[in-house]
Amino acid sequence: MNAAVLDLTRAQLIPARHGVAAHLEVGETVTVVNTHGKQVVDTWAFNASDTSEFMSMEHSRAAMLRVIPKIGDSLTTNQRRAILTLVADTTPGIHDTLIAACDIHRYHQLGASGHHDNCTQNLALALEALGVSAAATPPPLNLFMNVPITDGGGLSFQPPVSEAGQYVTLRAEMDLIVVFSACPQDMTPVNGMKPTDAHFVIA
């Protein structure tokens, strides 16, 4: 898919700091657009008929034998079945499968007081809007997130290297519910310190 001809006329908004869920049928694709660049989009997928089966990063890493998916790689569920396959990526290919979704506890550790928007709550609210729920918050596929691993095995949080308008496309390998959260993290550099909107297109 060529970025110059990506049809955004049917794009759906992922509002900054909030989450959105949608149904995908097997064979459909969803393109996630980093509309303004430098925005992480936490991504989850659940079996549409049983949310206890969900896209699992630890199972996916075992299947892919890498920590960042490449074009052609399938993300797998906690039952080791393919659920989403990466079919296009116009970014430099830097994403994250290691870091848990942000939550209120994380923000309190970082020094926030009171409520702070967070991806864990965004997931729950987005599923609730579709009339479903999940028993727990699975670790997400953090699209566009830049968490380099040092030679010594250390991790650091860095701004995304993706630019405005770059995107990834994922193909559904089963009927599923996909959830996106435009991460509200503004206390570490992962969103360039400024959360923004993103978009997605189902085809």
N, C-alpha and C. Protein backbone atom coordinates (compact mmCIF):
# COMPACT_ATOMS: atom_id res chain seq x y z
N MET A 1 0.85 -1.19 0.00
CA MET A 1 0.00 0.00 0.00
C MET A 1 0.89 1.25 0.00
N ASN A 2 0.59 2.18 -0.85
CA ASN A 2 1.39 3.38 -0.99
C ASN A 2 0.82 4.51 -0.15
N ALA A 3 1.67 5.16 0.65
CA ALA A 3 1.18 6.23 1.53
C ALA A 3 0.52 7.34 0.75
N ALA A 4 0.97 7.58 -0.48
CA ALA A 4 0.44 8.69 -1.27
C ALA A 4 -1.00 8.47 -1.69
N VAL A 5 -1.45 7.17 -1.74
CA VAL A 5 -2.80 6.90 -2.20
C VAL A 5 -3.68 6.34 -1.09
N LEU A 6 -3.21 6.38 0.14
CA LEU A 6 -4.02 5.91 1.25
C LEU A 6 -5.28 6.76 1.36
N ASP A 7 -6.43 6.11 1.29
CA ASP A 7 -7.72 6.80 1.33
C ASP A 7 -8.13 7.06 2.77
N LEU A 8 -8.06 8.32 3.17
CA LEU A 8 -8.43 8.69 4.54
C LEU A 8 -9.84 9.24 4.64
N THR A 9 -10.60 9.20 3.55
CA THR A 9 -11.95 9.76 3.60
C THR A 9 -12.85 8.98 4.53
N ARG A 10 -12.51 7.70 4.77
CA ARG A 10 -13.31 6.87 5.68
C ARG A 10 -12.61 6.66 7.01
N ALA A 11 -11.60 7.47 7.28
CA ALA A 11 -10.82 7.29 8.50
C ALA A 11 -11.66 7.59 9.73
N GLN A 12 -11.46 6.78 10.76
CA GLN A 12 -12.12 6.99 12.04
C GLN A 12 -11.11 7.54 13.05
N LEU A 13 -11.57 8.42 13.88
CA LEU A 13 -10.71 9.13 14.83
C LEU A 13 -10.40 8.29 16.06
N ILE A 14 -9.14 8.31 16.46
CA ILE A 14 -8.74 7.86 17.79
C ILE A 14 -8.36 9.14 18.53
N PRO A 15 -9.25 9.68 19.34
CA PRO A 15 -8.97 10.99 19.95
C PRO A 15 -7.76 10.94 20.88
N ALA A 16 -6.99 11.99 20.89
CA ALA A 16 -5.86 12.08 21.79
C ALA A 16 -6.30 11.73 23.21
N ARG A 17 -5.55 10.84 23.85
CA ARG A 17 -5.74 10.47 25.25
C ARG A 17 -6.93 9.53 25.47
N HIS A 18 -7.57 9.05 24.40
CA HIS A 18 -8.76 8.21 24.52
C HIS A 18 -8.63 6.94 23.68
N GLY A 19 -9.61 6.04 23.86
CA GLY A 19 -9.60 4.77 23.16
C GLY A 19 -10.85 4.55 22.33
N VAL A 20 -10.73 3.68 21.32
CA VAL A 20 -11.84 3.34 20.42
C VAL A 20 -11.76 1.85 20.10
N ALA A 21 -12.90 1.18 20.04
CA ALA A 21 -12.96 -0.23 19.66
C ALA A 21 -13.80 -0.40 18.42
N ALA A 22 -13.50 -1.44 17.65
CA ALA A 22 -14.26 -1.72 16.42
C ALA A 22 -14.22 -3.21 16.14
N HIS A 23 -15.23 -3.68 15.39
CA HIS A 23 -15.27 -5.07 14.95
C HIS A 23 -14.53 -5.22 13.62
N LEU A 24 -13.79 -6.31 13.48
CA LEU A 24 -13.17 -6.67 12.22
C LEU A 24 -13.58 -8.10 11.89
N GLU A 25 -13.96 -8.35 10.64
CA GLU A 25 -14.24 -9.70 10.19
C GLU A 25 -12.97 -10.29 9.60
N VAL A 26 -12.88 -11.62 9.66
CA VAL A 26 -11.71 -12.30 9.12
C VAL A 26 -11.46 -11.84 7.68
N GLY A 27 -10.21 -11.50 7.37
CA GLY A 27 -9.84 -11.04 6.04
C GLY A 27 -9.85 -9.54 5.88
N GLU A 28 -10.57 -8.82 6.75
CA GLU A 28 -10.55 -7.37 6.67
C GLU A 28 -9.20 -6.84 7.18
N THR A 29 -8.87 -5.63 6.76
CA THR A 29 -7.66 -4.99 7.23
C THR A 29 -8.00 -3.71 7.98
N VAL A 30 -7.11 -3.34 8.88
CA VAL A 30 -7.22 -2.06 9.56
C VAL A 30 -5.88 -1.36 9.44
N THR A 31 -5.92 -0.13 8.97
CA THR A 31 -4.73 0.68 8.82
C THR A 31 -4.72 1.74 9.91
N VAL A 32 -3.66 1.77 10.70
CA VAL A 32 -3.52 2.69 11.82
C VAL A 32 -2.55 3.80 11.39
N VAL A 33 -3.05 5.03 11.38
CA VAL A 33 -2.28 6.15 10.84
C VAL A 33 -1.76 7.01 11.99
N ASN A 34 -0.46 7.25 12.00
CA ASN A 34 0.13 8.17 12.97
C ASN A 34 -0.03 9.58 12.39
N THR A 35 -1.21 10.12 12.55
CA THR A 35 -1.66 11.30 11.82
C THR A 35 -0.70 12.47 11.95
N HIS A 36 -0.26 12.75 13.17
CA HIS A 36 0.61 13.91 13.41
C HIS A 36 2.05 13.50 13.66
N GLY A 37 2.30 12.19 13.70
CA GLY A 37 3.64 11.69 14.01
C GLY A 37 3.88 11.72 15.51
N LYS A 38 4.83 10.88 15.98
CA LYS A 38 5.27 10.88 17.38
C LYS A 38 4.18 10.47 18.36
N GLN A 39 3.15 9.74 17.90
CA GLN A 39 2.07 9.31 18.80
C GLN A 39 2.04 7.79 18.88
N VAL A 40 2.11 7.27 20.10
CA VAL A 40 1.98 5.84 20.32
C VAL A 40 0.50 5.45 20.32
N VAL A 41 0.20 4.32 19.70
CA VAL A 41 -1.17 3.79 19.71
C VAL A 41 -1.13 2.38 20.31
N ASP A 42 -1.57 2.25 21.57
CA ASP A 42 -1.69 0.94 22.19
C ASP A 42 -2.78 0.17 21.46
N THR A 43 -2.49 -1.10 21.13
CA THR A 43 -3.39 -1.88 20.28
C THR A 43 -3.64 -3.24 20.90
N TRP A 44 -4.92 -3.60 21.00
CA TRP A 44 -5.33 -4.92 21.49
C TRP A 44 -6.26 -5.58 20.48
N ALA A 45 -6.34 -6.89 20.52
CA ALA A 45 -7.31 -7.62 19.71
C ALA A 45 -7.85 -8.79 20.52
N PHE A 46 -9.16 -9.01 20.42
CA PHE A 46 -9.85 -10.08 21.15
C PHE A 46 -10.69 -10.89 20.17
N ASN A 47 -10.74 -12.19 20.39
CA ASN A 47 -11.67 -13.05 19.67
C ASN A 47 -13.08 -12.47 19.85
N ALA A 48 -13.76 -12.21 18.75
CA ALA A 48 -15.07 -11.54 18.83
C ALA A 48 -16.09 -12.34 19.60
N SER A 49 -15.94 -13.66 19.63
CA SER A 49 -16.94 -14.49 20.32
C SER A 49 -16.51 -14.91 21.72
N ASP A 50 -15.27 -14.57 22.10
CA ASP A 50 -14.77 -14.98 23.42
C ASP A 50 -13.57 -14.10 23.79
N THR A 51 -13.82 -13.06 24.58
CA THR A 51 -12.73 -12.12 24.90
C THR A 51 -11.68 -12.70 25.83
N SER A 52 -11.90 -13.93 26.32
CA SER A 52 -10.84 -14.56 27.10
C SER A 52 -9.69 -15.01 26.19
N GLU A 53 -9.93 -15.04 24.88
CA GLU A 53 -8.85 -15.27 23.92
C GLU A 53 -8.46 -13.92 23.34
N PHE A 54 -7.20 -13.56 23.50
CA PHE A 54 -6.77 -12.22 23.11
C PHE A 54 -5.36 -12.25 22.54
N MET A 55 -5.02 -11.23 21.78
CA MET A 55 -3.67 -11.09 21.25
C MET A 55 -2.69 -10.98 22.41
N SER A 56 -1.68 -11.87 22.40
CA SER A 56 -0.75 -11.98 23.51
C SER A 56 0.66 -11.68 23.02
N MET A 57 1.30 -10.71 23.65
CA MET A 57 2.65 -10.35 23.22
C MET A 57 3.65 -11.45 23.52
N GLU A 58 3.54 -12.12 24.67
CA GLU A 58 4.52 -13.17 24.98
C GLU A 58 4.37 -14.36 24.03
N HIS A 59 3.13 -14.71 23.67
CA HIS A 59 2.93 -15.79 22.72
C HIS A 59 3.36 -15.36 21.32
N SER A 60 3.14 -14.09 20.99
CA SER A 60 3.55 -13.59 19.68
C SER A 60 5.06 -13.59 19.52
N ARG A 61 5.77 -13.16 20.56
CA ARG A 61 7.23 -13.15 20.47
C ARG A 61 7.77 -14.57 20.28
N ALA A 62 7.17 -15.54 20.94
CA ALA A 62 7.61 -16.93 20.78
C ALA A 62 7.36 -17.41 19.36
N ALA A 63 6.24 -16.98 18.76
CA ALA A 63 5.92 -17.40 17.40
C ALA A 63 6.79 -16.69 16.36
N MET A 64 7.04 -15.40 16.57
CA MET A 64 7.80 -14.61 15.61
C MET A 64 9.30 -14.78 15.76
N LEU A 65 9.72 -15.13 16.97
CA LEU A 65 11.15 -15.19 17.33
C LEU A 65 11.82 -13.84 17.15
N ARG A 66 11.10 -12.79 17.49
CA ARG A 66 11.64 -11.43 17.52
C ARG A 66 10.76 -10.58 18.43
N VAL A 67 11.30 -9.42 18.82
CA VAL A 67 10.55 -8.57 19.74
C VAL A 67 9.75 -7.49 19.02
N ILE A 68 10.01 -7.25 17.74
CA ILE A 68 9.25 -6.28 16.96
C ILE A 68 8.74 -6.98 15.72
N PRO A 69 7.43 -6.96 15.47
CA PRO A 69 6.91 -7.64 14.27
C PRO A 69 7.37 -6.95 12.99
N LYS A 70 7.60 -7.77 11.97
CA LYS A 70 7.94 -7.30 10.64
C LYS A 70 6.81 -7.67 9.68
N ILE A 71 6.80 -7.05 8.50
CA ILE A 71 5.77 -7.36 7.51
C ILE A 71 5.76 -8.87 7.26
N GLY A 72 4.58 -9.44 7.32
CA GLY A 72 4.41 -10.88 7.14
C GLY A 72 4.28 -11.64 8.44
N ASP A 73 4.65 -11.03 9.56
CA ASP A 73 4.54 -11.68 10.85
C ASP A 73 3.10 -11.66 11.34
N SER A 74 2.69 -12.76 11.98
CA SER A 74 1.37 -12.82 12.60
C SER A 74 1.50 -12.68 14.11
N LEU A 75 0.65 -11.85 14.69
CA LEU A 75 0.51 -11.78 16.14
C LEU A 75 -0.45 -12.89 16.55
N THR A 76 -0.14 -13.57 17.67
CA THR A 76 -0.93 -14.72 18.06
C THR A 76 -1.63 -14.48 19.39
N THR A 77 -2.59 -15.34 19.66
CA THR A 77 -3.39 -15.21 20.88
C THR A 77 -2.78 -16.05 22.00
N ASN A 78 -3.38 -15.93 23.17
CA ASN A 78 -2.99 -16.77 24.30
C ASN A 78 -3.36 -18.24 24.09
N GLN A 79 -4.05 -18.53 23.00
CA GLN A 79 -4.28 -19.92 22.58
C GLN A 79 -3.40 -20.27 21.38
N ARG A 80 -2.42 -19.41 21.09
CA ARG A 80 -1.41 -19.63 20.04
C ARG A 80 -2.01 -19.71 18.64
N ARG A 81 -3.07 -18.96 18.42
CA ARG A 81 -3.67 -18.88 17.09
C ARG A 81 -3.40 -17.48 16.52
N ALA A 82 -3.18 -17.40 15.20
CA ALA A 82 -2.98 -16.10 14.56
C ALA A 82 -4.24 -15.27 14.69
N ILE A 83 -4.08 -14.00 15.04
CA ILE A 83 -5.23 -13.11 15.15
C ILE A 83 -5.09 -11.88 14.26
N LEU A 84 -3.87 -11.33 14.15
CA LEU A 84 -3.61 -10.21 13.26
C LEU A 84 -2.26 -10.45 12.57
N THR A 85 -2.18 -10.09 11.29
CA THR A 85 -0.93 -10.18 10.55
C THR A 85 -0.55 -8.79 10.06
N LEU A 86 0.71 -8.43 10.25
CA LEU A 86 1.22 -7.15 9.77
C LEU A 86 1.46 -7.27 8.26
N VAL A 87 0.72 -6.48 7.48
CA VAL A 87 0.84 -6.60 6.02
C VAL A 87 1.44 -5.36 5.36
N ALA A 88 1.54 -4.25 6.08
CA ALA A 88 2.18 -3.06 5.53
C ALA A 88 2.69 -2.21 6.68
N ASP A 89 3.80 -1.51 6.43
CA ASP A 89 4.38 -0.63 7.45
C ASP A 89 5.24 0.41 6.74
N THR A 90 4.77 1.66 6.74
CA THR A 90 5.52 2.73 6.08
C THR A 90 6.41 3.49 7.05
N THR A 91 6.42 3.07 8.33
CA THR A 91 7.29 3.69 9.34
C THR A 91 8.68 3.05 9.25
N PRO A 92 9.64 3.54 10.03
CA PRO A 92 10.94 2.84 10.09
C PRO A 92 10.87 1.46 10.74
N GLY A 93 9.68 1.04 11.18
CA GLY A 93 9.52 -0.31 11.71
C GLY A 93 9.81 -0.46 13.19
N ILE A 94 9.76 0.64 13.92
CA ILE A 94 10.04 0.60 15.35
C ILE A 94 8.72 0.61 16.12
N HIS A 95 8.41 -0.51 16.76
CA HIS A 95 7.21 -0.66 17.58
C HIS A 95 7.64 -1.39 18.85
N ASP A 96 6.71 -1.63 19.77
CA ASP A 96 7.08 -2.23 21.06
C ASP A 96 6.11 -3.35 21.44
N THR A 97 6.67 -4.45 21.94
CA THR A 97 5.85 -5.55 22.45
C THR A 97 6.17 -5.87 23.91
N LEU A 98 6.96 -5.01 24.57
CA LEU A 98 7.45 -5.32 25.91
C LEU A 98 6.73 -4.59 27.03
N ILE A 99 6.27 -3.38 26.77
CA ILE A 99 5.83 -2.48 27.84
C ILE A 99 4.32 -2.60 28.09
N ALA A 100 3.94 -2.71 29.35
CA ALA A 100 2.53 -2.79 29.73
C ALA A 100 1.82 -1.47 29.43
N ALA A 101 0.51 -1.55 29.27
CA ALA A 101 -0.29 -0.34 29.10
C ALA A 101 -0.16 0.55 30.33
N CYS A 102 -0.11 1.86 30.10
CA CYS A 102 -0.06 2.78 31.24
C CYS A 102 -1.36 2.69 32.04
N ASP A 103 -1.26 2.93 33.33
CA ASP A 103 -2.41 2.90 34.21
C ASP A 103 -2.22 3.95 35.30
N ILE A 104 -3.21 4.10 36.15
CA ILE A 104 -3.15 5.15 37.16
C ILE A 104 -1.98 4.93 38.12
N HIS A 105 -1.64 3.67 38.37
CA HIS A 105 -0.51 3.38 39.27
C HIS A 105 0.80 3.87 38.67
N ARG A 106 0.95 3.69 37.36
CA ARG A 106 2.15 4.17 36.68
C ARG A 106 2.27 5.68 36.81
N TYR A 107 1.18 6.40 36.62
CA TYR A 107 1.24 7.85 36.69
C TYR A 107 1.51 8.34 38.11
N HIS A 108 0.95 7.64 39.09
CA HIS A 108 1.25 8.01 40.47
C HIS A 108 2.73 7.79 40.77
N GLN A 109 3.31 6.71 40.24
CA GLN A 109 4.74 6.48 40.42
C GLN A 109 5.57 7.58 39.79
N LEU A 110 5.06 8.14 38.68
CA LEU A 110 5.78 9.21 37.98
C LEU A 110 5.55 10.57 38.61
N GLY A 111 4.66 10.64 39.61
CA GLY A 111 4.45 11.90 40.32
C GLY A 111 3.13 12.59 40.06
N ALA A 112 2.26 11.98 39.27
CA ALA A 112 0.95 12.59 39.02
C ALA A 112 0.10 12.48 40.29
N SER A 113 -0.77 13.44 40.48
CA SER A 113 -1.72 13.39 41.58
C SER A 113 -3.13 13.39 41.01
N GLY A 114 -4.03 12.66 41.66
CA GLY A 114 -5.39 12.59 41.17
C GLY A 114 -5.49 11.77 39.90
N HIS A 115 -6.56 12.01 39.15
CA HIS A 115 -6.80 11.24 37.94
C HIS A 115 -5.85 11.64 36.82
N HIS A 116 -5.44 10.64 36.03
CA HIS A 116 -4.70 10.89 34.80
C HIS A 116 -5.24 9.91 33.77
N ASP A 117 -5.62 10.40 32.58
CA ASP A 117 -6.05 9.50 31.52
C ASP A 117 -5.02 8.40 31.34
N ASN A 118 -5.46 7.18 31.05
CA ASN A 118 -4.52 6.08 30.90
C ASN A 118 -5.08 5.02 29.97
N CYS A 119 -4.19 4.25 29.35
CA CYS A 119 -4.58 3.28 28.34
C CYS A 119 -5.38 2.13 28.92
N THR A 120 -5.10 1.74 30.16
CA THR A 120 -5.85 0.65 30.78
C THR A 120 -7.33 1.02 30.88
N GLN A 121 -7.61 2.22 31.35
CA GLN A 121 -9.00 2.68 31.43
C GLN A 121 -9.59 2.87 30.03
N ASN A 122 -8.77 3.37 29.09
CA ASN A 122 -9.27 3.56 27.72
C ASN A 122 -9.73 2.25 27.11
N LEU A 123 -8.98 1.17 27.37
CA LEU A 123 -9.38 -0.15 26.87
C LEU A 123 -10.73 -0.55 27.43
N ALA A 124 -10.89 -0.44 28.74
CA ALA A 124 -12.14 -0.85 29.39
C ALA A 124 -13.32 -0.04 28.87
N LEU A 125 -13.15 1.26 28.72
CA LEU A 125 -14.24 2.12 28.26
C LEU A 125 -14.59 1.85 26.80
N ALA A 126 -13.56 1.59 25.98
CA ALA A 126 -13.82 1.32 24.57
C ALA A 126 -14.59 0.01 24.39
N LEU A 127 -14.21 -1.02 25.15
CA LEU A 127 -14.95 -2.28 25.09
C LEU A 127 -16.37 -2.11 25.62
N GLU A 128 -16.50 -1.35 26.69
CA GLU A 128 -17.82 -1.11 27.27
C GLU A 128 -18.75 -0.46 26.25
N ALA A 129 -18.21 0.42 25.41
CA ALA A 129 -19.03 1.09 24.39
C ALA A 129 -19.58 0.10 23.37
N LEU A 130 -18.92 -1.06 23.23
CA LEU A 130 -19.43 -2.11 22.34
C LEU A 130 -20.25 -3.15 23.09
N GLY A 131 -20.40 -2.95 24.41
CA GLY A 131 -21.20 -3.87 25.20
C GLY A 131 -20.48 -5.14 25.60
N VAL A 132 -19.13 -5.11 25.60
CA VAL A 132 -18.35 -6.27 26.00
C VAL A 132 -17.34 -5.85 27.06
N SER A 133 -16.65 -6.84 27.61
CA SER A 133 -15.63 -6.54 28.61
C SER A 133 -14.54 -7.58 28.52
N ALA A 134 -13.43 -7.30 29.18
CA ALA A 134 -12.31 -8.24 29.28
C ALA A 134 -11.97 -8.41 30.75
N ALA A 135 -11.60 -9.61 31.12
CA ALA A 135 -11.32 -9.90 32.53
C ALA A 135 -10.06 -9.21 33.01
N ALA A 136 -9.13 -8.94 32.10
CA ALA A 136 -7.86 -8.32 32.46
C ALA A 136 -7.38 -7.45 31.31
N THR A 137 -6.31 -6.69 31.54
CA THR A 137 -5.73 -5.86 30.50
C THR A 137 -4.51 -6.57 29.93
N PRO A 138 -4.61 -7.15 28.74
CA PRO A 138 -3.43 -7.81 28.18
C PRO A 138 -2.36 -6.77 27.83
N PRO A 139 -1.08 -7.14 27.89
CA PRO A 139 -0.05 -6.24 27.39
C PRO A 139 -0.33 -5.92 25.91
N PRO A 140 -0.28 -4.66 25.54
CA PRO A 140 -0.65 -4.28 24.17
C PRO A 140 0.51 -4.38 23.19
N LEU A 141 0.15 -4.38 21.91
CA LEU A 141 1.11 -4.07 20.85
C LEU A 141 1.17 -2.55 20.78
N ASN A 142 2.31 -1.99 21.16
CA ASN A 142 2.45 -0.53 21.22
C ASN A 142 2.98 -0.02 19.88
N LEU A 143 2.04 0.25 18.97
CA LEU A 143 2.45 0.73 17.66
C LEU A 143 3.15 2.07 17.78
N PHE A 144 4.24 2.21 17.04
CA PHE A 144 5.05 3.44 16.94
C PHE A 144 5.88 3.73 18.19
N MET A 145 5.79 2.89 19.22
CA MET A 145 6.52 3.16 20.46
C MET A 145 7.99 2.76 20.30
N ASN A 146 8.87 3.60 20.81
CA ASN A 146 10.32 3.42 20.65
C ASN A 146 10.95 3.13 22.00
N VAL A 147 11.19 1.85 22.27
CA VAL A 147 11.82 1.42 23.52
C VAL A 147 13.06 0.60 23.15
N PRO A 148 14.17 1.26 22.84
CA PRO A 148 15.36 0.51 22.41
C PRO A 148 15.93 -0.35 23.53
N ILE A 149 16.49 -1.48 23.11
CA ILE A 149 17.16 -2.41 24.03
C ILE A 149 18.66 -2.25 23.84
N THR A 150 19.37 -1.96 24.90
CA THR A 150 20.81 -1.78 24.81
C THR A 150 21.51 -3.13 24.72
N ASP A 151 22.80 -3.10 24.38
CA ASP A 151 23.59 -4.32 24.32
C ASP A 151 23.61 -5.03 25.68
N GLY A 152 23.49 -4.25 26.75
CA GLY A 152 23.47 -4.83 28.09
C GLY A 152 22.11 -5.27 28.56
N GLY A 153 21.11 -5.13 27.69
CA GLY A 153 19.76 -5.57 28.04
C GLY A 153 18.91 -4.50 28.70
N GLY A 154 19.40 -3.26 28.77
CA GLY A 154 18.62 -2.17 29.36
C GLY A 154 17.57 -1.64 28.41
N LEU A 155 16.59 -0.94 28.98
CA LEU A 155 15.51 -0.32 28.21
C LEU A 155 15.48 1.17 28.49
N SER A 156 15.00 1.95 27.50
CA SER A 156 14.78 3.37 27.74
C SER A 156 13.58 3.81 26.93
N PHE A 157 12.92 4.86 27.40
CA PHE A 157 11.75 5.41 26.71
C PHE A 157 12.19 6.58 25.86
N GLN A 158 11.98 6.47 24.54
CA GLN A 158 12.41 7.49 23.60
C GLN A 158 11.23 7.93 22.74
N PRO A 159 11.30 9.12 22.14
CA PRO A 159 10.22 9.56 21.24
C PRO A 159 10.11 8.63 20.04
N PRO A 160 8.91 8.45 19.48
CA PRO A 160 8.77 7.64 18.28
C PRO A 160 9.60 8.20 17.12
N VAL A 161 9.99 7.31 16.23
CA VAL A 161 10.73 7.74 15.04
C VAL A 161 9.79 7.84 13.84
N SER A 162 8.53 7.52 14.00
CA SER A 162 7.55 7.63 12.91
C SER A 162 7.23 9.10 12.66
N GLU A 163 6.82 9.39 11.42
CA GLU A 163 6.49 10.75 11.02
C GLU A 163 5.01 10.86 10.69
N ALA A 164 4.53 12.08 10.61
CA ALA A 164 3.12 12.34 10.32
C ALA A 164 2.69 11.64 9.04
N GLY A 165 1.56 10.94 9.11
CA GLY A 165 1.00 10.27 7.95
C GLY A 165 1.49 8.86 7.73
N GLN A 166 2.53 8.43 8.43
CA GLN A 166 2.98 7.05 8.28
C GLN A 166 2.00 6.10 8.97
N TYR A 167 1.99 4.84 8.53
CA TYR A 167 0.95 3.94 9.01
C TYR A 167 1.42 2.49 9.00
N VAL A 168 0.65 1.66 9.69
CA VAL A 168 0.78 0.20 9.60
C VAL A 168 -0.59 -0.35 9.23
N THR A 169 -0.58 -1.49 8.53
CA THR A 169 -1.82 -2.17 8.18
C THR A 169 -1.77 -3.59 8.71
N LEU A 170 -2.85 -3.99 9.38
CA LEU A 170 -2.97 -5.32 9.99
C LEU A 170 -4.18 -6.03 9.40
N ARG A 171 -4.03 -7.31 9.10
CA ARG A 171 -5.13 -8.12 8.56
C ARG A 171 -5.69 -9.05 9.62
N ALA A 172 -7.01 -9.08 9.72
CA ALA A 172 -7.68 -9.94 10.71
C ALA A 172 -7.62 -11.40 10.26
N GLU A 173 -7.17 -12.28 11.15
CA GLU A 173 -7.10 -13.70 10.86
C GLU A 173 -8.27 -14.47 11.49
N MET A 174 -9.13 -13.76 12.19
CA MET A 174 -10.38 -14.30 12.73
C MET A 174 -11.31 -13.12 12.95
N ASP A 175 -12.58 -13.38 13.18
CA ASP A 175 -13.48 -12.30 13.57
C ASP A 175 -13.02 -11.80 14.93
N LEU A 176 -12.82 -10.49 15.04
CA LEU A 176 -12.22 -9.97 16.26
C LEU A 176 -12.73 -8.59 16.61
N ILE A 177 -12.41 -8.19 17.81
CA ILE A 177 -12.60 -6.80 18.26
C ILE A 177 -11.21 -6.21 18.43
N VAL A 178 -10.97 -5.10 17.76
CA VAL A 178 -9.69 -4.40 17.90
C VAL A 178 -9.92 -3.14 18.71
N VAL A 179 -8.96 -2.82 19.56
CA VAL A 179 -9.06 -1.63 20.41
C VAL A 179 -7.78 -0.82 20.26
N PHE A 180 -7.95 0.49 20.08
CA PHE A 180 -6.82 1.41 19.98
C PHE A 180 -6.93 2.47 21.07
N SER A 181 -5.80 2.82 21.64
CA SER A 181 -5.72 3.94 22.58
C SER A 181 -4.62 4.88 22.13
N ALA A 182 -4.97 6.13 21.87
CA ALA A 182 -3.96 7.16 21.58
C ALA A 182 -3.35 7.53 22.93
N CYS A 183 -2.21 6.92 23.22
CA CYS A 183 -1.64 6.93 24.57
C CYS A 183 -1.54 8.35 25.15
N PRO A 184 -2.02 8.53 26.39
CA PRO A 184 -2.00 9.85 27.02
C PRO A 184 -0.71 10.15 27.78
N GLN A 185 0.31 9.31 27.61
CA GLN A 185 1.55 9.50 28.38
C GLN A 185 2.19 10.86 28.04
N ASP A 186 2.27 11.72 29.05
CA ASP A 186 2.88 13.04 28.86
C ASP A 186 3.93 13.32 29.94
N MET A 187 4.38 12.23 30.61
CA MET A 187 5.38 12.39 31.67
C MET A 187 6.69 11.67 31.34
N THR A 188 6.72 10.96 30.21
CA THR A 188 7.95 10.42 29.64
C THR A 188 7.93 10.79 28.16
N PRO A 189 9.05 10.63 27.44
CA PRO A 189 9.12 11.12 26.05
C PRO A 189 8.40 10.28 25.01
N VAL A 190 7.66 9.23 25.39
CA VAL A 190 7.19 8.27 24.39
C VAL A 190 6.26 8.87 23.34
N ASN A 191 5.56 9.93 23.64
CA ASN A 191 4.74 10.63 22.66
C ASN A 191 5.33 12.00 22.31
N GLY A 192 6.61 12.16 22.51
CA GLY A 192 7.20 13.47 22.31
C GLY A 192 6.66 14.48 23.31
N MET A 193 6.14 13.98 24.45
CA MET A 193 5.59 14.80 25.54
C MET A 193 4.28 15.51 25.17
N LYS A 194 3.69 15.16 24.01
CA LYS A 194 2.47 15.85 23.59
C LYS A 194 1.54 14.86 22.90
N PRO A 195 0.62 14.20 23.63
CA PRO A 195 -0.32 13.27 23.00
C PRO A 195 -1.18 13.95 21.95
N THR A 196 -1.40 13.25 20.84
CA THR A 196 -2.19 13.79 19.74
C THR A 196 -3.17 12.73 19.23
N ASP A 197 -4.08 13.14 18.34
CA ASP A 197 -5.01 12.23 17.70
C ASP A 197 -4.27 11.26 16.77
N ALA A 198 -4.89 10.12 16.52
CA ALA A 198 -4.50 9.22 15.44
C ALA A 198 -5.78 8.81 14.72
N HIS A 199 -5.65 8.03 13.66
CA HIS A 199 -6.81 7.58 12.90
C HIS A 199 -6.64 6.13 12.50
N PHE A 200 -7.76 5.48 12.13
CA PHE A 200 -7.69 4.15 11.56
C PHE A 200 -8.72 4.00 10.45
N VAL A 201 -8.42 3.11 9.52
CA VAL A 201 -9.27 2.86 8.35
C VAL A 201 -9.48 1.36 8.24
N ILE A 202 -10.73 0.91 8.20
CA ILE A 202 -11.06 -0.49 8.00
C ILE A 202 -11.43 -0.71 6.55
N ALA A 203 -10.86 -1.74 5.95
CA ALA A 203 -11.14 -2.04 4.53
C ALA A 203 -11.32 -3.54 4.34
